[in-house]
Amino acid sequence: MKGKSTTAKSEAERLRLPAGLSPADEARWWDEHKGFWRSVEMPDEVRPPQPARRTEPVMLRLPVEMTDHLKREAAKRSLSYQTLIRLWLQERLDSSAVADELPQHRS
């Protein structure tokens, strides 16, 4: 019998998650292939430490209709409404900063 060597790469290529599985079928596939990640040579991801962002609590009084609308919009995105507010404020500040850097046209 000739020696058959299976490298980690060929093992990983052999073990491909089939496309189009239902969540239950995918879970079953992972249960049956527990050694998959041991067969793949992947370097550990190393991220440099990020400095902690300083935050400050802010209290706003908003109309009930506005908070209801924010909560609906946030739910569509699977976010909390506070996170959505933070994201939208950051987007607005970013676009304002870009606009401030553009040359102003006077008529």
N, C-alpha and C. Protein backbone atom coordinates (compact mmCIF):
# COMPACT_ATOMS: atom_id res chain seq x y z
N MET A 1 0.85 -1.18 0.00
CA MET A 1 0.00 0.00 0.00
C MET A 1 0.88 1.23 0.00
N LYS A 2 0.65 2.09 -0.97
CA LYS A 2 1.47 3.28 -1.07
C LYS A 2 1.05 4.26 0.00
N GLY A 3 2.06 4.98 0.52
CA GLY A 3 1.77 5.96 1.57
C GLY A 3 0.92 7.10 1.06
N LYS A 4 -0.12 7.37 1.75
CA LYS A 4 -1.01 8.45 1.35
C LYS A 4 -0.86 9.56 2.38
N SER A 5 -0.32 10.69 1.95
CA SER A 5 -0.18 11.76 2.93
C SER A 5 -1.27 12.79 2.69
N THR A 6 -1.94 13.14 3.74
CA THR A 6 -2.99 14.14 3.66
C THR A 6 -2.49 15.39 4.35
N THR A 7 -2.31 16.42 3.57
CA THR A 7 -1.87 17.68 4.17
C THR A 7 -3.06 18.41 4.74
N ALA A 8 -2.77 19.38 5.56
CA ALA A 8 -3.85 20.16 6.16
C ALA A 8 -4.66 20.87 5.09
N LYS A 9 -3.97 21.34 4.04
CA LYS A 9 -4.68 22.05 2.98
C LYS A 9 -5.61 21.12 2.23
N SER A 10 -5.13 19.93 1.86
CA SER A 10 -5.99 19.02 1.11
C SER A 10 -7.16 18.55 1.97
N GLU A 11 -6.92 18.41 3.28
CA GLU A 11 -8.00 18.05 4.20
C GLU A 11 -9.06 19.15 4.21
N ALA A 12 -8.60 20.39 4.27
CA ALA A 12 -9.55 21.51 4.28
C ALA A 12 -10.30 21.60 2.96
N GLU A 13 -9.59 21.33 1.85
CA GLU A 13 -10.27 21.36 0.56
C GLU A 13 -11.31 20.26 0.46
N ARG A 14 -11.01 19.10 1.04
CA ARG A 14 -11.94 17.98 1.02
C ARG A 14 -13.17 18.28 1.87
N LEU A 15 -12.98 18.98 2.97
CA LEU A 15 -14.08 19.30 3.87
C LEU A 15 -14.60 20.70 3.57
N ARG A 16 -15.48 20.79 2.63
CA ARG A 16 -16.11 22.07 2.32
C ARG A 16 -17.55 22.02 2.78
N LEU A 17 -17.97 23.10 3.40
CA LEU A 17 -19.36 23.22 3.83
C LEU A 17 -20.23 23.31 2.58
N PRO A 18 -21.14 22.37 2.37
CA PRO A 18 -21.99 22.41 1.17
C PRO A 18 -22.87 23.67 1.17
N ALA A 19 -23.08 24.21 0.01
CA ALA A 19 -23.93 25.40 -0.12
C ALA A 19 -25.40 25.03 0.03
N GLY A 20 -26.18 25.99 0.48
CA GLY A 20 -27.63 25.82 0.52
C GLY A 20 -28.18 24.97 1.64
N LEU A 21 -27.41 24.77 2.70
CA LEU A 21 -27.92 23.97 3.81
C LEU A 21 -28.86 24.79 4.68
N SER A 22 -29.84 24.13 5.22
CA SER A 22 -30.71 24.80 6.19
C SER A 22 -29.89 24.98 7.47
N PRO A 23 -30.31 25.87 8.37
CA PRO A 23 -29.57 26.03 9.62
C PRO A 23 -29.40 24.72 10.38
N ALA A 24 -30.44 23.87 10.38
CA ALA A 24 -30.34 22.59 11.09
C ALA A 24 -29.33 21.67 10.40
N ASP A 25 -29.35 21.63 9.06
CA ASP A 25 -28.40 20.80 8.32
C ASP A 25 -26.97 21.31 8.50
N GLU A 26 -26.81 22.64 8.51
CA GLU A 26 -25.48 23.20 8.71
C GLU A 26 -24.95 22.85 10.10
N ALA A 27 -25.81 22.96 11.11
CA ALA A 27 -25.41 22.60 12.47
C ALA A 27 -24.99 21.13 12.53
N ARG A 28 -25.74 20.26 11.85
CA ARG A 28 -25.42 18.84 11.81
C ARG A 28 -24.06 18.63 11.13
N TRP A 29 -23.82 19.36 10.02
CA TRP A 29 -22.54 19.23 9.30
C TRP A 29 -21.38 19.61 10.22
N TRP A 30 -21.53 20.72 10.96
CA TRP A 30 -20.45 21.13 11.87
C TRP A 30 -20.25 20.11 12.98
N ASP A 31 -21.34 19.54 13.48
CA ASP A 31 -21.22 18.50 14.52
C ASP A 31 -20.46 17.29 14.00
N GLU A 32 -20.65 16.95 12.73
CA GLU A 32 -19.99 15.79 12.14
C GLU A 32 -18.54 16.08 11.73
N HIS A 33 -18.16 17.34 11.66
CA HIS A 33 -16.81 17.72 11.22
C HIS A 33 -16.12 18.60 12.26
N LYS A 34 -16.10 18.12 13.49
CA LYS A 34 -15.53 18.91 14.59
C LYS A 34 -14.06 19.23 14.39
N GLY A 35 -13.32 18.37 13.68
CA GLY A 35 -11.89 18.59 13.48
C GLY A 35 -11.57 19.53 12.33
N PHE A 36 -12.57 20.13 11.73
CA PHE A 36 -12.35 20.96 10.54
C PHE A 36 -11.30 22.04 10.79
N TRP A 37 -11.46 22.80 11.87
CA TRP A 37 -10.54 23.92 12.10
C TRP A 37 -9.14 23.44 12.47
N ARG A 38 -9.02 22.25 12.99
CA ARG A 38 -7.69 21.72 13.26
C ARG A 38 -6.99 21.35 11.95
N SER A 39 -7.78 21.11 10.88
CA SER A 39 -7.20 20.70 9.61
C SER A 39 -6.81 21.89 8.74
N VAL A 40 -7.18 23.07 9.12
CA VAL A 40 -6.89 24.25 8.33
C VAL A 40 -5.75 25.02 8.98
N GLU A 41 -4.72 25.28 8.21
CA GLU A 41 -3.60 26.04 8.74
C GLU A 41 -3.92 27.52 8.57
N MET A 42 -4.35 28.12 9.64
CA MET A 42 -4.67 29.54 9.61
C MET A 42 -3.95 30.22 10.76
N PRO A 43 -3.26 31.32 10.45
CA PRO A 43 -2.60 32.02 11.55
C PRO A 43 -3.65 32.64 12.47
N ASP A 44 -3.33 32.70 13.73
CA ASP A 44 -4.22 33.36 14.66
C ASP A 44 -4.24 34.85 14.34
N GLU A 45 -5.42 35.41 14.39
CA GLU A 45 -5.54 36.84 14.13
C GLU A 45 -5.05 37.60 15.35
N VAL A 46 -4.14 38.51 15.11
CA VAL A 46 -3.60 39.31 16.19
C VAL A 46 -3.96 40.76 15.90
N ARG A 47 -4.68 41.34 16.80
CA ARG A 47 -5.05 42.74 16.65
C ARG A 47 -4.35 43.56 17.72
N PRO A 48 -3.83 44.69 17.32
CA PRO A 48 -3.22 45.53 18.34
C PRO A 48 -4.30 46.06 19.28
N PRO A 49 -3.95 46.28 20.53
CA PRO A 49 -4.96 46.78 21.47
C PRO A 49 -5.44 48.17 21.04
N GLN A 50 -6.72 48.37 21.16
CA GLN A 50 -7.31 49.65 20.81
C GLN A 50 -7.48 50.48 22.08
N PRO A 51 -7.18 51.76 21.98
CA PRO A 51 -7.39 52.59 23.16
C PRO A 51 -8.88 52.67 23.49
N ALA A 52 -9.18 52.69 24.75
CA ALA A 52 -10.58 52.78 25.17
C ALA A 52 -11.14 54.14 24.78
N ARG A 53 -12.31 54.12 24.17
CA ARG A 53 -12.94 55.39 23.80
C ARG A 53 -13.61 55.97 25.02
N ARG A 54 -13.37 57.22 25.21
CA ARG A 54 -14.04 57.90 26.32
C ARG A 54 -15.44 58.27 25.88
N THR A 55 -16.39 58.04 26.73
CA THR A 55 -17.77 58.40 26.42
C THR A 55 -18.31 59.27 27.55
N GLU A 56 -19.37 59.94 27.22
CA GLU A 56 -20.02 60.82 28.19
C GLU A 56 -21.53 60.64 28.04
N PRO A 57 -22.22 60.43 29.13
CA PRO A 57 -23.68 60.30 29.01
C PRO A 57 -24.30 61.64 28.65
N VAL A 58 -25.30 61.58 27.76
CA VAL A 58 -26.01 62.78 27.32
C VAL A 58 -27.49 62.51 27.46
N MET A 59 -28.21 63.45 28.03
CA MET A 59 -29.65 63.28 28.16
C MET A 59 -30.34 64.22 27.17
N LEU A 60 -31.23 63.64 26.39
CA LEU A 60 -32.01 64.42 25.43
C LEU A 60 -33.49 64.22 25.70
N ARG A 61 -34.23 65.25 25.52
CA ARG A 61 -35.68 65.13 25.59
C ARG A 61 -36.18 65.14 24.15
N LEU A 62 -36.75 64.04 23.73
CA LEU A 62 -37.24 63.91 22.36
C LEU A 62 -38.73 63.63 22.38
N PRO A 63 -39.44 64.07 21.35
CA PRO A 63 -40.87 63.76 21.28
C PRO A 63 -41.07 62.24 21.22
N VAL A 64 -42.15 61.77 21.83
CA VAL A 64 -42.45 60.34 21.88
C VAL A 64 -42.54 59.77 20.47
N GLU A 65 -43.15 60.53 19.56
CA GLU A 65 -43.27 60.05 18.17
C GLU A 65 -41.89 59.82 17.55
N MET A 66 -40.94 60.69 17.88
CA MET A 66 -39.60 60.55 17.33
C MET A 66 -38.90 59.31 17.88
N THR A 67 -39.01 59.08 19.18
CA THR A 67 -38.37 57.89 19.75
C THR A 67 -39.04 56.62 19.23
N ASP A 68 -40.37 56.65 19.05
CA ASP A 68 -41.06 55.49 18.47
C ASP A 68 -40.53 55.21 17.06
N HIS A 69 -40.38 56.26 16.26
CA HIS A 69 -39.86 56.11 14.90
C HIS A 69 -38.42 55.59 14.93
N LEU A 70 -37.60 56.13 15.81
CA LEU A 70 -36.22 55.67 15.95
C LEU A 70 -36.17 54.19 16.34
N LYS A 71 -37.03 53.78 17.24
CA LYS A 71 -37.05 52.38 17.67
C LYS A 71 -37.45 51.46 16.52
N ARG A 72 -38.42 51.89 15.69
CA ARG A 72 -38.82 51.08 14.54
C ARG A 72 -37.67 50.97 13.53
N GLU A 73 -37.03 52.09 13.25
CA GLU A 73 -35.90 52.08 12.30
C GLU A 73 -34.75 51.23 12.84
N ALA A 74 -34.49 51.31 14.13
CA ALA A 74 -33.42 50.54 14.73
C ALA A 74 -33.74 49.04 14.67
N ALA A 75 -35.00 48.68 14.92
CA ALA A 75 -35.40 47.27 14.89
C ALA A 75 -35.20 46.69 13.49
N LYS A 76 -35.44 47.48 12.45
CA LYS A 76 -35.23 47.01 11.07
C LYS A 76 -33.76 46.63 10.85
N ARG A 77 -32.87 47.28 11.60
CA ARG A 77 -31.44 47.05 11.44
C ARG A 77 -30.86 46.17 12.54
N SER A 78 -31.71 45.65 13.39
CA SER A 78 -31.29 44.82 14.54
C SER A 78 -30.32 45.58 15.45
N LEU A 79 -30.64 46.82 15.70
CA LEU A 79 -29.83 47.66 16.59
C LEU A 79 -30.70 48.21 17.70
N SER A 80 -30.06 48.67 18.75
CA SER A 80 -30.82 49.43 19.75
C SER A 80 -31.00 50.84 19.20
N TYR A 81 -32.03 51.53 19.64
CA TYR A 81 -32.25 52.86 19.09
C TYR A 81 -31.15 53.82 19.51
N GLN A 82 -30.53 53.59 20.67
CA GLN A 82 -29.42 54.44 21.10
C GLN A 82 -28.22 54.28 20.15
N THR A 83 -27.96 53.05 19.73
CA THR A 83 -26.86 52.81 18.79
C THR A 83 -27.16 53.46 17.46
N LEU A 84 -28.41 53.35 17.00
CA LEU A 84 -28.79 53.98 15.74
C LEU A 84 -28.60 55.49 15.81
N ILE A 85 -29.00 56.10 16.90
CA ILE A 85 -28.81 57.55 17.07
C ILE A 85 -27.32 57.88 16.99
N ARG A 86 -26.50 57.10 17.68
CA ARG A 86 -25.05 57.33 17.68
C ARG A 86 -24.48 57.21 16.26
N LEU A 87 -24.91 56.17 15.53
CA LEU A 87 -24.44 55.98 14.15
C LEU A 87 -24.86 57.14 13.25
N TRP A 88 -26.11 57.55 13.36
CA TRP A 88 -26.59 58.64 12.51
C TRP A 88 -25.91 59.95 12.86
N LEU A 89 -25.68 60.19 14.12
CA LEU A 89 -24.96 61.41 14.51
C LEU A 89 -23.55 61.39 13.94
N GLN A 90 -22.88 60.23 14.02
CA GLN A 90 -21.52 60.13 13.49
C GLN A 90 -21.51 60.34 11.97
N GLU A 91 -22.48 59.75 11.26
CA GLU A 91 -22.56 59.94 9.82
C GLU A 91 -22.74 61.42 9.48
N ARG A 92 -23.59 62.08 10.23
CA ARG A 92 -23.84 63.52 9.97
C ARG A 92 -22.59 64.34 10.25
N LEU A 93 -21.90 64.04 11.33
CA LEU A 93 -20.67 64.77 11.64
C LEU A 93 -19.61 64.51 10.58
N ASP A 94 -19.50 63.26 10.12
CA ASP A 94 -18.53 62.93 9.08
C ASP A 94 -18.84 63.67 7.78
N SER A 95 -20.11 63.70 7.38
CA SER A 95 -20.47 64.39 6.14
C SER A 95 -20.28 65.89 6.29
N SER A 96 -20.52 66.41 7.47
CA SER A 96 -20.31 67.84 7.72
C SER A 96 -18.83 68.18 7.64
N ALA A 97 -17.98 67.31 8.18
CA ALA A 97 -16.54 67.54 8.14
C ALA A 97 -16.04 67.54 6.70
N VAL A 98 -16.56 66.62 5.88
CA VAL A 98 -16.17 66.56 4.47
C VAL A 98 -16.64 67.83 3.78
N ALA A 99 -17.85 68.26 4.04
CA ALA A 99 -18.39 69.48 3.42
C ALA A 99 -17.58 70.70 3.83
N ASP A 100 -17.12 70.73 5.05
CA ASP A 100 -16.32 71.86 5.53
C ASP A 100 -14.98 71.93 4.81
N GLU A 101 -14.47 70.80 4.34
CA GLU A 101 -13.18 70.76 3.67
C GLU A 101 -13.29 71.13 2.19
N LEU A 102 -14.52 71.09 1.63
CA LEU A 102 -14.70 71.42 0.22
C LEU A 102 -14.63 72.94 0.05
N PRO A 103 -14.12 73.40 -1.09
CA PRO A 103 -14.11 74.85 -1.33
C PRO A 103 -15.54 75.37 -1.44
N GLN A 104 -15.78 76.50 -0.84
CA GLN A 104 -17.11 77.09 -0.86
C GLN A 104 -17.29 77.91 -2.13
N HIS A 105 -18.42 77.77 -2.81
CA HIS A 105 -18.71 78.53 -4.03
C HIS A 105 -19.62 79.68 -3.64
N ARG A 106 -19.19 80.84 -3.96
CA ARG A 106 -20.04 82.02 -3.68
C ARG A 106 -20.64 82.51 -5.00
N SER A 107 -21.92 82.85 -4.94
CA SER A 107 -22.55 83.34 -6.16
C SER A 107 -22.76 84.83 -6.13
